[in-house]
Each structure stands twice: as C-alpha cells, then as structure tokens.
PDB file of N, CA and C in Angstrom:
ATOM      1  N   MET A   1      91.797  95.398  84.704  1.00  0.00           N
ATOM      2  CA  MET A   1      92.435  96.625  84.114  1.00  0.00           C
ATOM      3  C   MET A   1      93.998  96.395  84.270  1.00  0.00           C
ATOM      4  N   ASP A   2      94.615  96.551  83.246  1.00  0.00           N
ATOM      5  CA  ASP A   2      96.197  96.362  83.279  1.00  0.00           C
ATOM      6  C   ASP A   2      96.782  97.687  83.807  1.00  0.00           C
ATOM      7  N   GLY A   3      98.161  97.575  83.999  1.00  0.00           N
ATOM      8  CA  GLY A   3      98.873  98.713  84.599  1.00  0.00           C
ATOM      9  C   GLY A   3      98.845  99.919  83.843  1.00  0.00           C
ATOM     10  N   ALA A   4      98.890  99.780  82.457  1.00  0.00           N
ATOM     11  CA  ALA A   4      98.819 101.021  81.664  1.00  0.00           C
ATOM     12  C   ALA A   4      97.472 101.720  81.714  1.00  0.00           C
ATOM     13  N   GLN A   5      96.428 100.905  81.785  1.00  0.00           N
ATOM     14  CA  GLN A   5      95.088 101.512  81.857  1.00  0.00           C
ATOM     15  C   GLN A   5      94.942 102.220  83.205  1.00  0.00           C
ATOM     16  N   THR A   6      95.412 101.465  84.277  1.00  0.00           N
ATOM     17  CA  THR A   6      95.270 101.976  85.651  1.00  0.00           C
ATOM     18  C   THR A   6      96.038 103.408  85.763  1.00  0.00           C
ATOM     19  N   ASN A   7      97.190 103.485  85.258  1.00  0.00           N
ATOM     20  CA  ASN A   7      97.935 104.745  85.341  1.00  0.00           C
ATOM     21  C   ASN A   7      97.322 105.822  84.420  1.00  0.00           C
ATOM     22  N   ALA A   8      96.761 105.417  83.301  1.00  0.00           N
ATOM     23  CA  ALA A   8      96.090 106.384  82.467  1.00  0.00           C
ATOM     24  C   ALA A   8      94.881 106.918  83.121  1.00  0.00           C
ATOM     25  N   VAL A   9      94.154 106.166  83.822  1.00  0.00           N
ATOM     26  CA  VAL A   9      92.989 106.602  84.624  1.00  0.00           C
ATOM     27  C   VAL A   9      93.357 107.524  85.780  1.00  0.00           C
ATOM     28  N   ILE A  10      94.391 107.107  86.453  1.00  0.00           N
ATOM     29  CA  ILE A  10      94.834 107.930  87.604  1.00  0.00           C
ATOM     30  C   ILE A  10      95.380 109.247  87.124  1.00  0.00           C
ATOM     31  N   GLY A  11      96.100 109.252  85.953  1.00  0.00           N
ATOM     32  CA  GLY A  11      96.616 110.481  85.362  1.00  0.00           C
ATOM     33  C   GLY A  11      95.490 111.466  84.991  1.00  0.00           C
ATOM     34  N   THR A  12      94.440 110.815  84.462  1.00  0.00           N
ATOM     35  CA  THR A  12      93.270 111.664  84.025  1.00  0.00           C
ATOM     36  C   THR A  12      92.595 112.237  85.279  1.00  0.00           C
ATOM     37  N   ILE A  13      92.442 111.534  86.319  1.00  0.00           N
ATOM     38  CA  ILE A  13      91.838 111.984  87.511  1.00  0.00           C
ATOM     39  C   ILE A  13      92.662 113.132  88.159  1.00  0.00           C
ATOM     40  N   VAL A  14      93.914 112.875  88.229  1.00  0.00           N
ATOM     41  CA  VAL A  14      94.858 113.936  88.899  1.00  0.00           C
ATOM     42  C   VAL A  14      94.832 115.169  88.040  1.00  0.00           C
ATOM     43  N   ALA A  15      94.943 115.068  86.721  1.00  0.00           N
ATOM     44  CA  ALA A  15      94.968 116.245  85.904  1.00  0.00           C
ATOM     45  C   ALA A  15      93.644 116.997  85.944  1.00  0.00           C
ATOM     46  N   PHE A  16      92.485 116.189  85.957  1.00  0.00           N
ATOM     47  CA  PHE A  16      91.206 116.887  86.087  1.00  0.00           C
ATOM     48  C   PHE A  16      91.134 117.636  87.446  1.00  0.00           C
ATOM     49  N   GLY A  17      91.669 117.005  88.466  1.00  0.00           N
ATOM     50  CA  GLY A  17      91.617 117.733  89.806  1.00  0.00           C
ATOM     51  C   GLY A  17      92.384 118.983  89.787  1.00  0.00           C
ATOM     52  N   GLY A  18      93.531 118.984  89.046  1.00  0.00           N
ATOM     53  CA  GLY A  18      94.292 120.265  88.900  1.00  0.00           C
ATOM     54  C   GLY A  18      93.552 121.330  88.236  1.00  0.00           C
ATOM     55  N   ILE A  19      92.895 120.883  87.050  1.00  0.00           N
ATOM     56  CA  ILE A  19      92.143 121.786  86.327  1.00  0.00           C
ATOM     57  C   ILE A  19      90.949 122.345  87.135  1.00  0.00           C
ATOM     58  N   MET A  20      90.258 121.486  87.878  1.00  0.00           N
ATOM     59  CA  MET A  20      89.193 121.974  88.763  1.00  0.00           C
ATOM     60  C   MET A  20      89.681 122.936  89.819  1.00  0.00           C
ATOM     61  N   GLY A  21      90.819 122.703  90.350  1.00  0.00           N
ATOM     62  CA  GLY A  21      91.411 123.635  91.367  1.00  0.00           C
ATOM     63  C   GLY A  21      91.637 124.960  90.808  1.00  0.00           C
ATOM     64  N   TYR A  22      92.077 124.978  89.537  1.00  0.00           N
ATOM     65  CA  TYR A  22      92.311 126.255  88.891  1.00  0.00           C
ATOM     66  C   TYR A  22      90.967 126.971  88.580  1.00  0.00           C
ATOM     67  N   LEU A  23      90.032 126.131  88.070  1.00  0.00           N
ATOM     68  CA  LEU A  23      88.739 126.878  87.736  1.00  0.00           C
ATOM     69  C   LEU A  23      87.942 127.354  88.952  1.00  0.00           C
ATOM     70  N   LYS A  24      88.026 126.614  90.070  1.00  0.00           N
ATOM     71  CA  LYS A  24      87.261 127.018  91.261  1.00  0.00           C
ATOM     72  C   LYS A  24      87.992 128.108  92.083  1.00  0.00           C
ATOM     73  N   LYS A  25      89.314 127.980  92.241  1.00  0.00           N
ATOM     74  CA  LYS A  25      90.033 128.843  93.124  1.00  0.00           C
ATOM     75  C   LYS A  25      91.104 129.698  92.433  1.00  0.00           C
ATOM     76  N   LYS A  26      91.186 129.547  91.148  1.00  0.00           N
ATOM     77  CA  LYS A  26      92.197 130.249  90.325  1.00  0.00           C
ATOM     78  C   LYS A  26      93.598 129.919  90.801  1.00  0.00           C
ATOM     79  N   SER A  27      93.813 128.713  91.201  1.00  0.00           N
ATOM     80  CA  SER A  27      95.055 128.198  91.773  1.00  0.00           C
ATOM     81  C   SER A  27      95.913 127.683  90.638  1.00  0.00           C
ATOM     82  N   VAL A  28      96.913 128.551  90.289  1.00  0.00           N
ATOM     83  CA  VAL A  28      97.885 128.209  89.235  1.00  0.00           C
ATOM     84  C   VAL A  28      98.754 126.971  89.756  1.00  0.00           C
ATOM     85  N   PRO A  29      99.169 126.970  90.990  1.00  0.00           N
ATOM     86  CA  PRO A  29      99.982 125.779  91.385  1.00  0.00           C
ATOM     87  C   PRO A  29      99.139 124.502  91.304  1.00  0.00           C
ATOM     88  N   SER A  30      97.845 124.545  91.486  1.00  0.00           N
ATOM     89  CA  SER A  30      97.085 123.303  91.323  1.00  0.00           C
ATOM     90  C   SER A  30      97.021 122.883  89.870  1.00  0.00           C
ATOM     91  N   LEU A  31      96.852 123.790  89.045  1.00  0.00           N
ATOM     92  CA  LEU A  31      96.848 123.532  87.539  1.00  0.00           C
ATOM     93  C   LEU A  31      98.235 122.923  87.146  1.00  0.00           C
ATOM     94  N   ILE A  32      99.270 123.570  87.598  1.00  0.00           N
ATOM     95  CA  ILE A  32     100.598 123.073  87.098  1.00  0.00           C
ATOM     96  C   ILE A  32     100.933 121.679  87.742  1.00  0.00           C
ATOM     97  N   ALA A  33     100.735 121.529  89.033  1.00  0.00           N
ATOM     98  CA  ALA A  33     101.010 120.326  89.714  1.00  0.00           C
ATOM     99  C   ALA A  33     100.083 119.175  89.197  1.00  0.00           C
ATOM    100  N   GLY A  34      98.784 119.468  89.076  1.00  0.00           N
ATOM    101  CA  GLY A  34      97.853 118.447  88.605  1.00  0.00           C
ATOM    102  C   GLY A  34      98.093 118.041  87.148  1.00  0.00           C
ATOM    103  N   SER A  35      98.311 119.004  86.351  1.00  0.00           N
ATOM    104  CA  SER A  35      98.551 118.679  84.920  1.00  0.00           C
ATOM    105  C   SER A  35      99.908 118.003  84.690  1.00  0.00           C
ATOM    106  N   GLY A  36     100.968 118.418  85.540  1.00  0.00           N
ATOM    107  CA  GLY A  36     102.209 117.806  85.366  1.00  0.00           C
ATOM    108  C   GLY A  36     102.223 116.350  85.884  1.00  0.00           C
ATOM    109  N   SER A  37     101.564 116.181  87.051  1.00  0.00           N
ATOM    110  CA  SER A  37     101.460 114.766  87.599  1.00  0.00           C
ATOM    111  C   SER A  37     100.620 113.896  86.686  1.00  0.00           C
ATOM    112  N   GLY A  38      99.523 114.494  86.189  1.00  0.00           N
ATOM    113  CA  GLY A  38      98.679 113.685  85.316  1.00  0.00           C
ATOM    114  C   GLY A  38      99.482 113.280  84.043  1.00  0.00           C
ATOM    115  N   LEU A  39     100.206 114.213  83.493  1.00  0.00           N
ATOM    116  CA  LEU A  39     101.035 113.902  82.266  1.00  0.00           C
ATOM    117  C   LEU A  39     102.087 112.913  82.595  1.00  0.00           C
ATOM    118  N   ALA A  40     102.705 112.930  83.813  1.00  0.00           N
ATOM    119  CA  ALA A  40     103.689 111.897  84.212  1.00  0.00           C
ATOM    120  C   ALA A  40     103.066 110.555  84.313  1.00  0.00           C
ATOM    121  N   TYR A  41     101.871 110.439  84.811  1.00  0.00           N
ATOM    122  CA  TYR A  41     101.104 109.132  84.891  1.00  0.00           C
ATOM    123  C   TYR A  41     100.854 108.705  83.480  1.00  0.00           C
ATOM    124  N   MET A  42     100.487 109.555  82.577  1.00  0.00           N
ATOM    125  CA  MET A  42     100.218 109.169  81.173  1.00  0.00           C
ATOM    126  C   MET A  42     101.556 108.634  80.528  1.00  0.00           C
ATOM    127  N   ILE A  43     102.627 109.313  80.817  1.00  0.00           N
ATOM    128  CA  ILE A  43     103.877 108.821  80.318  1.00  0.00           C
ATOM    129  C   ILE A  43     104.218 107.367  80.837  1.00  0.00           C
ATOM    130  N   THR A  44     103.927 107.160  82.088  1.00  0.00           N
ATOM    131  CA  THR A  44     104.166 105.795  82.663  1.00  0.00           C
ATOM    132  C   THR A  44     103.280 104.714  82.012  1.00  0.00           C
ATOM    133  N   ALA A  45     102.038 105.224  81.644  1.00  0.00           N
ATOM    134  CA  ALA A  45     101.097 104.285  80.949  1.00  0.00           C
ATOM    135  C   ALA A  45     101.713 103.957  79.556  1.00  0.00           C
ATOM    136  N   TYR A  46     102.272 104.965  78.880  1.00  0.00           N
ATOM    137  CA  TYR A  46     102.870 104.704  77.571  1.00  0.00           C
ATOM    138  C   TYR A  46     104.049 103.796  77.701  1.00  0.00           C
ATOM    139  N   LEU A  47     104.897 104.047  78.714  1.00  0.00           N
ATOM    140  CA  LEU A  47     106.063 103.180  78.863  1.00  0.00           C
ATOM    141  C   LEU A  47     105.668 101.694  79.133  1.00  0.00           C
ATOM    142  N   ILE A  48     104.611 101.511  79.944  1.00  0.00           N
ATOM    143  CA  ILE A  48     104.181 100.120  80.193  1.00  0.00           C
ATOM    144  C   ILE A  48     103.620  99.465  78.904  1.00  0.00           C
ATOM    145  N   ARG A  49     102.805 100.270  78.198  1.00  0.00           N
ATOM    146  CA  ARG A  49     102.179  99.708  77.040  1.00  0.00           C
ATOM    147  C   ARG A  49     103.210  99.465  75.922  1.00  0.00           C
ATOM    148  N   SER A  50     104.292 100.228  75.897  1.00  0.00           N
ATOM    149  CA  SER A  50     105.216 100.051  74.750  1.00  0.00           C
ATOM    150  C   SER A  50     106.386  99.062  75.111  1.00  0.00           C
ATOM    151  N   GLY A  51     106.234  98.313  76.226  1.00  0.00           N
ATOM    152  CA  GLY A  51     107.191  97.262  76.477  1.00  0.00           C
ATOM    153  C   GLY A  51     108.224  97.628  77.521  1.00  0.00           C
ATOM    154  N   HIS A  52     108.219  98.810  78.005  1.00  0.00           N
ATOM    155  CA  HIS A  52     109.178  99.202  79.038  1.00  0.00           C
ATOM    156  C   HIS A  52     108.564  99.194  80.389  1.00  0.00           C
ATOM    157  N   SER A  53     107.962  98.133  80.762  1.00  0.00           N
ATOM    158  CA  SER A  53     107.101  98.050  81.922  1.00  0.00           C
ATOM    159  C   SER A  53     107.873  98.321  83.232  1.00  0.00           C
ATOM    160  N   THR A  54     109.148  97.840  83.293  1.00  0.00           N
ATOM    161  CA  THR A  54     109.912  98.139  84.585  1.00  0.00           C
ATOM    162  C   THR A  54     110.143  99.587  84.762  1.00  0.00           C
ATOM    163  N   ALA A  55     110.499 100.322  83.749  1.00  0.00           N
ATOM    164  CA  ALA A  55     110.640 101.754  83.863  1.00  0.00           C
ATOM    165  C   ALA A  55     109.378 102.442  84.159  1.00  0.00           C
ATOM    166  N   GLY A  56     108.298 101.982  83.487  1.00  0.00           N
ATOM    167  CA  GLY A  56     106.962 102.584  83.696  1.00  0.00           C
ATOM    168  C   GLY A  56     106.427 102.400  85.151  1.00  0.00           C
ATOM    169  N   TYR A  57     106.657 101.184  85.665  1.00  0.00           N
ATOM    170  CA  TYR A  57     106.235 100.906  87.038  1.00  0.00           C
ATOM    171  C   TYR A  57     107.078 101.592  88.104  1.00  0.00           C
ATOM    172  N   GLN A  58     108.413 101.651  87.780  1.00  0.00           N
ATOM    173  CA  GLN A  58     109.294 102.342  88.747  1.00  0.00           C
ATOM    174  C   GLN A  58     108.967 103.845  88.818  1.00  0.00           C
ATOM    175  N   THR A  59     108.792 104.410  87.656  1.00  0.00           N
ATOM    176  CA  THR A  59     108.405 105.884  87.614  1.00  0.00           C
ATOM    177  C   THR A  59     107.062 106.127  88.302  1.00  0.00           C
ATOM    178  N   ALA A  60     106.104 105.310  88.024  1.00  0.00           N
ATOM    179  CA  ALA A  60     104.780 105.446  88.608  1.00  0.00           C
ATOM    180  C   ALA A  60     104.835 105.232  90.131  1.00  0.00           C
ATOM    181  N   PHE A  61     105.620 104.333  90.507  1.00  0.00           N
ATOM    182  CA  PHE A  61     105.769 103.955  91.997  1.00  0.00           C
ATOM    183  C   PHE A  61     106.369 105.234  92.733  1.00  0.00           C
ATOM    184  N   VAL A  62     107.454 105.791  92.242  1.00  0.00           N
ATOM    185  CA  VAL A  62     108.093 106.906  92.833  1.00  0.00           C
ATOM    186  C   VAL A  62     107.137 108.121  92.759  1.00  0.00           C
ATOM    187  N   LEU A  63     106.551 108.375  91.609  1.00  0.00           N
ATOM    188  CA  LEU A  63     105.573 109.469  91.561  1.00  0.00           C
ATOM    189  C   LEU A  63     104.450 109.331  92.531  1.00  0.00           C
ATOM    190  N   SER A  64     103.876 108.163  92.601  1.00  0.00           N
ATOM    191  CA  SER A  64     102.767 107.886  93.625  1.00  0.00           C
ATOM    192  C   SER A  64     103.193 108.153  95.009  1.00  0.00           C
ATOM    193  N   LEU A  65     104.416 107.624  95.312  1.00  0.00           N
ATOM    194  CA  LEU A  65     104.950 107.757  96.738  1.00  0.00           C
ATOM    195  C   LEU A  65     105.125 109.198  97.040  1.00  0.00           C
ATOM    196  N   ALA A  66     105.756 109.973  96.113  1.00  0.00           N
ATOM    197  CA  ALA A  66     105.951 111.396  96.415  1.00  0.00           C
ATOM    198  C   ALA A  66     104.649 112.156  96.567  1.00  0.00           C
ATOM    199  N   LEU A  67     103.662 111.844  95.681  1.00  0.00           N
ATOM    200  CA  LEU A  67     102.375 112.527  95.654  1.00  0.00           C
ATOM    201  C   LEU A  67     101.656 112.186  97.021  1.00  0.00           C
ATOM    202  N   ALA A  68     101.713 110.922  97.456  1.00  0.00           N
ATOM    203  CA  ALA A  68     101.052 110.487  98.637  1.00  0.00           C
ATOM    204  C   ALA A  68     101.649 111.244  99.833  1.00  0.00           C
ATOM    205  N   ILE A  69     102.983 111.343  99.920  1.00  0.00           N
ATOM    206  CA  ILE A  69     103.584 111.993 101.027  1.00  0.00           C
ATOM    207  C   ILE A  69     103.320 113.458 101.067  1.00  0.00           C
ATOM    208  N   VAL A  70     103.370 114.115  99.960  1.00  0.00           N
ATOM    209  CA  VAL A  70     103.122 115.588  99.880  1.00  0.00           C
ATOM    210  C   VAL A  70     101.751 115.947 100.184  1.00  0.00           C
ATOM    211  N   MET A  71     100.857 115.164  99.576  1.00  0.00           N
ATOM    212  CA  MET A  71      99.418 115.511  99.800  1.00  0.00           C
ATOM    213  C   MET A  71      98.938 115.003 101.174  1.00  0.00           C
ATOM    214  N   GLY A  72      99.529 113.914 101.727  1.00  0.00           N
ATOM    215  CA  GLY A  72      99.224 113.511 103.049  1.00  0.00           C
ATOM    216  C   GLY A  72      99.665 114.533 104.109  1.00  0.00           C
ATOM    217  N   ARG A  73     100.753 115.138 103.878  1.00  0.00           N
ATOM    218  CA  ARG A  73     101.251 116.197 104.790  1.00  0.00           C
ATOM    219  C   ARG A  73     100.352 117.399 104.768  1.00  0.00           C
ATOM    220  N   ARG A  74      99.976 117.682 103.440  1.00  0.00           N
ATOM    221  CA  ARG A  74      99.111 118.849 103.342  1.00  0.00           C
ATOM    222  C   ARG A  74      97.716 118.685 103.926  1.00  0.00           C
ATOM    223  N   THR A  75      97.186 117.471 103.885  1.00  0.00           N
ATOM    224  CA  THR A  75      95.924 117.097 104.469  1.00  0.00           C
ATOM    225  C   THR A  75      96.118 117.252 106.024  1.00  0.00           C
ATOM    226  N   ALA A  76      97.178 116.728 106.556  1.00  0.00           N
ATOM    227  CA  ALA A  76      97.372 116.789 108.021  1.00  0.00           C
ATOM    228  C   ALA A  76      97.564 118.240 108.514  1.00  0.00           C
ATOM    229  N   LYS A  77      98.157 119.085 107.711  1.00  0.00           N
ATOM    230  CA  LYS A  77      98.401 120.489 108.111  1.00  0.00           C
ATOM    231  C   LYS A  77      97.124 121.270 108.011  1.00  0.00           C
ATOM    232  N   ALA A  78      96.256 121.029 106.963  1.00  0.00           N
ATOM    233  CA  ALA A  78      95.020 121.751 106.764  1.00  0.00           C
ATOM    234  C   ALA A  78      93.897 121.234 107.600  1.00  0.00           C
ATOM    235  N   LYS A  79      94.008 119.982 108.131  1.00  0.00           N
ATOM    236  CA  LYS A  79      93.015 119.333 108.938  1.00  0.00           C
ATOM    237  C   LYS A  79      91.613 119.290 108.261  1.00  0.00           C
ATOM    238  N   LYS A  80      91.753 119.133 106.929  1.00  0.00           N
ATOM    239  CA  LYS A  80      90.518 118.839 106.238  1.00  0.00           C
ATOM    240  C   LYS A  80      90.799 117.891 105.045  1.00  0.00           C
ATOM    241  N   PHE A  81      89.930 117.049 104.689  1.00  0.00           N
ATOM    242  CA  PHE A  81      90.182 115.942 103.808  1.00  0.00           C
ATOM    243  C   PHE A  81      90.270 116.439 102.310  1.00  0.00           C
ATOM    244  N   MET A  82      89.373 117.271 101.875  1.00  0.00           N
ATOM    245  CA  MET A  82      89.320 117.715 100.489  1.00  0.00           C
ATOM    246  C   MET A  82      90.124 118.922 100.225  1.00  0.00           C
ATOM    247  N   PRO A  83      90.867 118.985  99.119  1.00  0.00           N
ATOM    248  CA  PRO A  83      91.046 118.004  98.117  1.00  0.00           C
ATOM    249  C   PRO A  83      92.305 117.208  98.329  1.00  0.00           C
ATOM    250  N   ALA A  84      93.177 117.613  99.143  1.00  0.00           N
ATOM    251  CA  ALA A  84      94.497 116.948  99.277  1.00  0.00           C
ATOM    252  C   ALA A  84      94.390 115.543  99.830  1.00  0.00           C
ATOM    253  N   GLY A  85      93.496 115.291 100.759  1.00  0.00           N
ATOM    254  CA  GLY A  85      93.258 113.975 101.266  1.00  0.00           C
ATOM    255  C   GLY A  85      92.783 112.936 100.198  1.00  0.00           C
ATOM    256  N   LEU A  86      91.938 113.436  99.302  1.00  0.00           N
ATOM    257  CA  LEU A  86      91.491 112.569  98.172  1.00  0.00           C
ATOM    258  C   LEU A  86      92.695 112.167  97.345  1.00  0.00           C
ATOM    259  N   VAL A  87      93.533 113.144  96.972  1.00  0.00           N
ATOM    260  CA  VAL A  87      94.644 112.921  96.174  1.00  0.00           C
ATOM    261  C   VAL A  87      95.648 111.929  96.862  1.00  0.00           C
ATOM    262  N   ALA A  88      95.819 112.141  98.135  1.00  0.00           N
ATOM    263  CA  ALA A  88      96.662 111.270  98.966  1.00  0.00           C
ATOM    264  C   ALA A  88      96.137 109.861  98.971  1.00  0.00           C
ATOM    265  N   VAL A  89      94.929 109.639  99.076  1.00  0.00           N
ATOM    266  CA  VAL A  89      94.354 108.300  98.997  1.00  0.00           C
ATOM    267  C   VAL A  89      94.530 107.631  97.698  1.00  0.00           C
ATOM    268  N   ILE A  90      94.209 108.470  96.606  1.00  0.00           N
ATOM    269  CA  ILE A  90      94.409 107.915  95.241  1.00  0.00           C
ATOM    270  C   ILE A  90      95.901 107.622  94.984  1.00  0.00           C
ATOM    271  N   ALA A  91      96.870 108.470  95.424  1.00  0.00           N
ATOM    272  CA  ALA A  91      98.203 108.275  95.199  1.00  0.00           C
ATOM    273  C   ALA A  91      98.710 107.062  96.039  1.00  0.00           C
ATOM    274  N   THR A  92      98.159 106.842  97.176  1.00  0.00           N
ATOM    275  CA  THR A  92      98.567 105.600  98.006  1.00  0.00           C
ATOM    276  C   THR A  92      98.123 104.414  97.311  1.00  0.00           C
ATOM    277  N   LEU A  93      96.886 104.437  96.834  1.00  0.00           N
ATOM    278  CA  LEU A  93      96.383 103.214  96.083  1.00  0.00           C
ATOM    279  C   LEU A  93      97.249 102.981  94.806  1.00  0.00           C
ATOM    280  N   ALA A  94      97.630 104.047  94.131  1.00  0.00           N
ATOM    281  CA  ALA A  94      98.476 103.925  92.940  1.00  0.00           C
ATOM    282  C   ALA A  94      99.862 103.352  93.312  1.00  0.00           C
ATOM    283  N   CYS A  95     100.374 103.816  94.438  1.00  0.00           N
ATOM    284  CA  CYS A  95     101.639 103.345  94.926  1.00  0.00           C
ATOM    285  C   CYS A  95     101.595 101.816  95.245  1.00  0.00           C
ATOM    286  N   VAL A  96     100.585 101.378  95.877  1.00  0.00           N
ATOM    287  CA  VAL A  96     100.415  99.981  96.157  1.00  0.00           C
ATOM    288  C   VAL A  96     100.262  99.154  94.883  1.00  0.00           C
ATOM    289  N   LEU A  97      99.414  99.565  93.956  1.00  0.00           N
ATOM    290  CA  LEU A  97      99.259  98.952  92.697  1.00  0.00           C
ATOM    291  C   LEU A  97     100.458  98.818  91.861  1.00  0.00           C
ATOM    292  N   ASN A  98     101.108  99.945  91.671  1.00  0.00           N
ATOM    293  CA  ASN A  98     102.334  99.957  90.935  1.00  0.00           C
ATOM    294  C   ASN A  98     103.476  99.232  91.573  1.00  0.00           C
ATOM    295  N   GLY A  99     103.582  99.383  92.896  1.00  0.00           N
ATOM    296  CA  GLY A  99     104.569  98.630  93.644  1.00  0.00           C
ATOM    297  C   GLY A  99     104.421  97.116  93.549  1.00  0.00           C
ATOM    298  N   SER A 100     103.178  96.705  93.640  1.00  0.00           N
ATOM    299  CA  SER A 100     102.976  95.201  93.596  1.00  0.00           C
ATOM    300  C   SER A 100     103.276  94.711  92.169  1.00  0.00           C
ATOM    301  N   ARG A 101     102.910  95.499  91.155  1.00  0.00           N
ATOM    302  CA  ARG A 101     103.310  95.032  89.800  1.00  0.00           C
ATOM    303  C   ARG A 101     104.742  95.106  89.564  1.00  0.00           C
ATOM    304  N   LEU A 102     105.416  96.172  90.060  1.00  0.00           N
ATOM    305  CA  LEU A 102     106.842  96.269  89.933  1.00  0.00           C
ATOM    306  C   LEU A 102     107.681  95.174  90.591  1.00  0.00           C
ATOM    307  N   PHE A 103     107.272  94.888  91.879  1.00  0.00           N
ATOM    308  CA  PHE A 103     108.006  93.905  92.611  1.00  0.00           C
ATOM    309  C   PHE A 103     107.643  92.517  92.298  1.00  0.00           C
ATOM    310  N   SER A 104     106.408  92.230  91.693  1.00  0.00           N
ATOM    311  CA  SER A 104     106.102  90.887  91.305  1.00  0.00           C
ATOM    312  C   SER A 104     106.679  90.488  89.976  1.00  0.00           C
ATOM    313  N   SER A 105     107.042  91.582  89.143  1.00  0.00           N
ATOM    314  CA  SER A 105     107.701  91.283  87.816  1.00  0.00           C
ATOM    315  C   SER A 105     109.148  91.200  87.969  1.00  0.00           C
ATOM    316  N   SER A 106     109.698  91.612  89.102  1.00  0.00           N
ATOM    317  CA  SER A 106     111.203  91.606  89.252  1.00  0.00           C
ATOM    318  C   SER A 106     111.696  90.178  89.478  1.00  0.00           C
TER     319      SER A 106
END
C-alpha cells in the first residue's frame, strides 16, 4: 500500500470514528474533530498522489504526531483505552509510516 492509500484509509477510519462518536454519544466535538482530521488525511493523500509528496508526508506526519499526543493524553487521563487509545495507536502508526516515508525521501 503506498503512502496516499495509507493516509486515505487512516482518514476514513478517523472520520468514521468521529461520526460514530456523534451517533452514539451525540458528541459534536467528536464529529468535528474526527471529520476534520479525516479530511486532513484525505488532503495529504491527494497531495502525495498529485506529486507533492514532501508536502503530503510533512502534513500527515505533523497531523499524526498532534493526534497521537492529544489522544494519548486523553487516554491517560480517562484511564480507559476506548476510543481515544485506539485513535492514539492509529495516529502513532501513521506518524511512524509517514515519518519513515518523509525522511527516507529527503
């Protein structure tokens, strides 16, 4: 799976999580954050696919790092894994994947 596909899949998962948070708990912040982050991952996939891979990987790396930190803190504070822990794990993996692609292409 190439970088664009990876970020598109991650974006879909994150957006779906935000939608599920809204449907289950009526959480508007989950809907906004999940949809916004999912859209941002989709934009990175577009950038990578359209030949702007450095910009796409940089954006995805920063987005993933921020998401991993925020959701990791939320998981530690709540002392329960779901759903923030799952997002933190996914974001950490995305950070590693995008970072390795970014720094290997530089």
